[in-house]
Amino acid sequence: MFEPKFAFHPWEYIADELKERKWKQREFADIIWIPAPELNAIIKWRKNLTPALCVRIWEAFWTSSQLWMNLQTEYSLAIAKEEEEERIKRVHEKLKEYHYE
């Protein structure tokens, strides 16, 4: 299975779309029916995209909702792998200990 070496936060792609369409962030927040502070939290990577939000982004950009959900999932998994690195090593140690490797 292909695993990218790095992942981008979905906001980076959203920012590109907004720039291409010459939309302001506040306009986009209004279009997808979220408060501007919530969009700001996504922009600052403090909040993740939800499935419901991915559907609204899909409608606004005429793209696939799955695209936005996949971008969020890949980014979240990359962060989790980084944060769980030490525990992952311990999992491998336990697998060896129990001869399951």
C-alpha atoms as a PDB file:
ATOM      1  CA  MET A   1       0.000   0.000   0.000  1.00  0.00           C
ATOM      2  CA  PHE A   2       1.268   3.467  -0.891  1.00  0.00           C
ATOM      3  CA  GLU A   3       1.951   5.721   2.079  1.00  0.00           C
ATOM      4  CA  PRO A   4       3.066   9.295   1.460  1.00  0.00           C
ATOM      5  CA  LYS A   5       6.154  10.498   3.304  1.00  0.00           C
ATOM      6  CA  PHE A   6       4.287  13.627   4.332  1.00  0.00           C
ATOM      7  CA  ALA A   7       0.748  14.902   4.368  1.00  0.00           C
ATOM      8  CA  PHE A   8      -0.699  18.359   4.013  1.00  0.00           C
ATOM      9  CA  HIS A   9      -3.434  19.823   6.145  1.00  0.00           C
ATOM     10  CA  PRO A  10      -6.566  20.178   3.989  1.00  0.00           C
ATOM     11  CA  TRP A  11      -6.494  23.902   4.628  1.00  0.00           C
ATOM     12  CA  GLU A  12      -3.519  24.231   2.295  1.00  0.00           C
ATOM     13  CA  TYR A  13      -5.659  22.952  -0.558  1.00  0.00           C
ATOM     14  CA  ILE A  14      -8.642  25.061   0.491  1.00  0.00           C
ATOM     15  CA  ALA A  15      -6.420  28.159   0.544  1.00  0.00           C
ATOM     16  CA  ASP A  16      -5.326  27.400  -3.022  1.00  0.00           C
ATOM     17  CA  GLU A  17      -8.949  27.068  -4.123  1.00  0.00           C
ATOM     18  CA  LEU A  18      -9.927  30.336  -2.453  1.00  0.00           C
ATOM     19  CA  LYS A  19      -7.039  32.152  -4.079  1.00  0.00           C
ATOM     20  CA  GLU A  20      -7.850  30.699  -7.494  1.00  0.00           C
ATOM     21  CA  ARG A  21     -11.505  31.731  -7.163  1.00  0.00           C
ATOM     22  CA  LYS A  22     -10.624  35.115  -5.593  1.00  0.00           C
ATOM     23  CA  TRP A  23     -12.870  34.347  -2.604  1.00  0.00           C
ATOM     24  CA  LYS A  24     -12.278  35.871   0.804  1.00  0.00           C
ATOM     25  CA  GLN A  25     -12.193  33.611   3.859  1.00  0.00           C
ATOM     26  CA  ARG A  26     -15.215  35.335   5.372  1.00  0.00           C
ATOM     27  CA  GLU A  27     -17.173  34.804   2.140  1.00  0.00           C
ATOM     28  CA  PHE A  28     -16.213  31.143   2.109  1.00  0.00           C
ATOM     29  CA  ALA A  29     -17.290  30.716   5.736  1.00  0.00           C
ATOM     30  CA  ASP A  30     -20.650  32.227   4.833  1.00  0.00           C
ATOM     31  CA  ILE A  31     -20.984  30.030   1.718  1.00  0.00           C
ATOM     32  CA  ILE A  32     -20.374  26.799   3.671  1.00  0.00           C
ATOM     33  CA  TRP A  33     -22.504  27.916   6.610  1.00  0.00           C
ATOM     34  CA  ILE A  34     -19.928  28.052   9.381  1.00  0.00           C
ATOM     35  CA  PRO A  35     -19.002  30.955  11.656  1.00  0.00           C
ATOM     36  CA  ALA A  36     -15.848  32.809  10.610  1.00  0.00           C
ATOM     37  CA  PRO A  37     -14.101  31.828  13.899  1.00  0.00           C
ATOM     38  CA  GLU A  38     -14.669  28.136  13.092  1.00  0.00           C
ATOM     39  CA  LEU A  39     -13.090  28.582   9.667  1.00  0.00           C
ATOM     40  CA  ASN A  40     -10.238  30.426  11.349  1.00  0.00           C
ATOM     41  CA  ALA A  41      -9.691  27.431  13.667  1.00  0.00           C
ATOM     42  CA  ILE A  42      -9.431  25.177  10.602  1.00  0.00           C
ATOM     43  CA  ILE A  43      -7.033  27.628   8.970  1.00  0.00           C
ATOM     44  CA  LYS A  44      -4.828  27.606  12.062  1.00  0.00           C
ATOM     45  CA  TRP A  45      -4.964  23.752  12.137  1.00  0.00           C
ATOM     46  CA  ARG A  46      -6.751  23.739  15.515  1.00  0.00           C
ATOM     47  CA  LYS A  47      -9.846  22.066  14.114  1.00  0.00           C
ATOM     48  CA  ASN A  48     -10.271  19.181  11.685  1.00  0.00           C
ATOM     49  CA  LEU A  49     -12.697  18.885   8.834  1.00  0.00           C
ATOM     50  CA  THR A  50     -15.795  16.870   9.660  1.00  0.00           C
ATOM     51  CA  PRO A  51     -17.712  14.712   7.174  1.00  0.00           C
ATOM     52  CA  ALA A  52     -20.547  17.283   7.182  1.00  0.00           C
ATOM     53  CA  LEU A  53     -18.113  20.089   6.433  1.00  0.00           C
ATOM     54  CA  CYS A  54     -16.493  18.043   3.656  1.00  0.00           C
ATOM     55  CA  VAL A  55     -19.897  17.719   2.007  1.00  0.00           C
ATOM     56  CA  ARG A  56     -20.396  21.499   2.118  1.00  0.00           C
ATOM     57  CA  ILE A  57     -16.889  22.140   0.757  1.00  0.00           C
ATOM     58  CA  TRP A  58     -17.624  19.671  -2.030  1.00  0.00           C
ATOM     59  CA  GLU A  59     -20.754  21.603  -2.951  1.00  0.00           C
ATOM     60  CA  ALA A  60     -18.963  24.956  -2.820  1.00  0.00           C
ATOM     61  CA  PHE A  61     -16.002  23.833  -4.929  1.00  0.00           C
ATOM     62  CA  TRP A  62     -17.761  21.234  -7.102  1.00  0.00           C
ATOM     63  CA  THR A  63     -15.238  18.637  -6.095  1.00  0.00           C
ATOM     64  CA  SER A  64     -15.572  15.308  -4.294  1.00  0.00           C
ATOM     65  CA  SER A  65     -16.502  15.237  -0.609  1.00  0.00           C
ATOM     66  CA  GLN A  66     -14.361  12.090  -0.404  1.00  0.00           C
ATOM     67  CA  LEU A  67     -11.359  14.129  -1.569  1.00  0.00           C
ATOM     68  CA  TRP A  68     -11.645  16.459   1.425  1.00  0.00           C
ATOM     69  CA  MET A  69     -12.290  13.609   3.852  1.00  0.00           C
ATOM     70  CA  ASN A  70      -9.282  11.693   2.482  1.00  0.00           C
ATOM     71  CA  LEU A  71      -7.028  14.744   2.825  1.00  0.00           C
ATOM     72  CA  GLN A  72      -8.109  15.149   6.450  1.00  0.00           C
ATOM     73  CA  THR A  73      -7.691  11.436   7.181  1.00  0.00           C
ATOM     74  CA  GLU A  74      -4.205  11.279   5.632  1.00  0.00           C
ATOM     75  CA  TYR A  75      -3.123  14.339   7.581  1.00  0.00           C
ATOM     76  CA  SER A  76      -4.587  13.027  10.850  1.00  0.00           C
ATOM     77  CA  LEU A  77      -2.927   9.628  10.360  1.00  0.00           C
ATOM     78  CA  ALA A  78       0.443  11.233   9.625  1.00  0.00           C
ATOM     79  CA  ILE A  79       0.210  13.259  12.840  1.00  0.00           C
ATOM     80  CA  ALA A  80      -0.889  10.209  14.843  1.00  0.00           C
ATOM     81  CA  LYS A  81       2.006   8.106  13.519  1.00  0.00           C
ATOM     82  CA  GLU A  82       4.411  10.831  14.545  1.00  0.00           C
ATOM     83  CA  GLU A  83       2.863  11.193  17.998  1.00  0.00           C
ATOM     84  CA  GLU A  84       2.633   7.437  18.561  1.00  0.00           C
ATOM     85  CA  GLU A  85       6.147   6.581  17.387  1.00  0.00           C
ATOM     86  CA  GLU A  86       7.324   5.425  20.818  1.00  0.00           C
ATOM     87  CA  ARG A  87       4.237   3.286  21.425  1.00  0.00           C
ATOM     88  CA  ILE A  88       4.552   1.757  17.980  1.00  0.00           C
ATOM     89  CA  LYS A  89       8.077   0.647  18.874  1.00  0.00           C
ATOM     90  CA  ARG A  90       6.680  -0.991  22.019  1.00  0.00           C
ATOM     91  CA  VAL A  91       4.028  -2.781  19.964  1.00  0.00           C
ATOM     92  CA  HIS A  92       6.774  -4.274  17.792  1.00  0.00           C
ATOM     93  CA  GLU A  93       8.710  -5.313  20.896  1.00  0.00           C
ATOM     94  CA  LYS A  94       5.631  -7.089  22.256  1.00  0.00           C
ATOM     95  CA  LEU A  95       5.040  -8.813  18.927  1.00  0.00           C
ATOM     96  CA  LYS A  96       8.609 -10.149  19.055  1.00  0.00           C
ATOM     97  CA  GLU A  97       8.182 -11.155  22.680  1.00  0.00           C
ATOM     98  CA  TYR A  98       5.103 -13.220  21.805  1.00  0.00           C
ATOM     99  CA  HIS A  99       6.688 -14.528  18.583  1.00  0.00           C
ATOM    100  CA  TYR A 100       3.977 -12.966  16.429  1.00  0.00           C
ATOM    101  CA  GLU A 101       6.296 -11.039  14.204  1.00  0.00           C
END
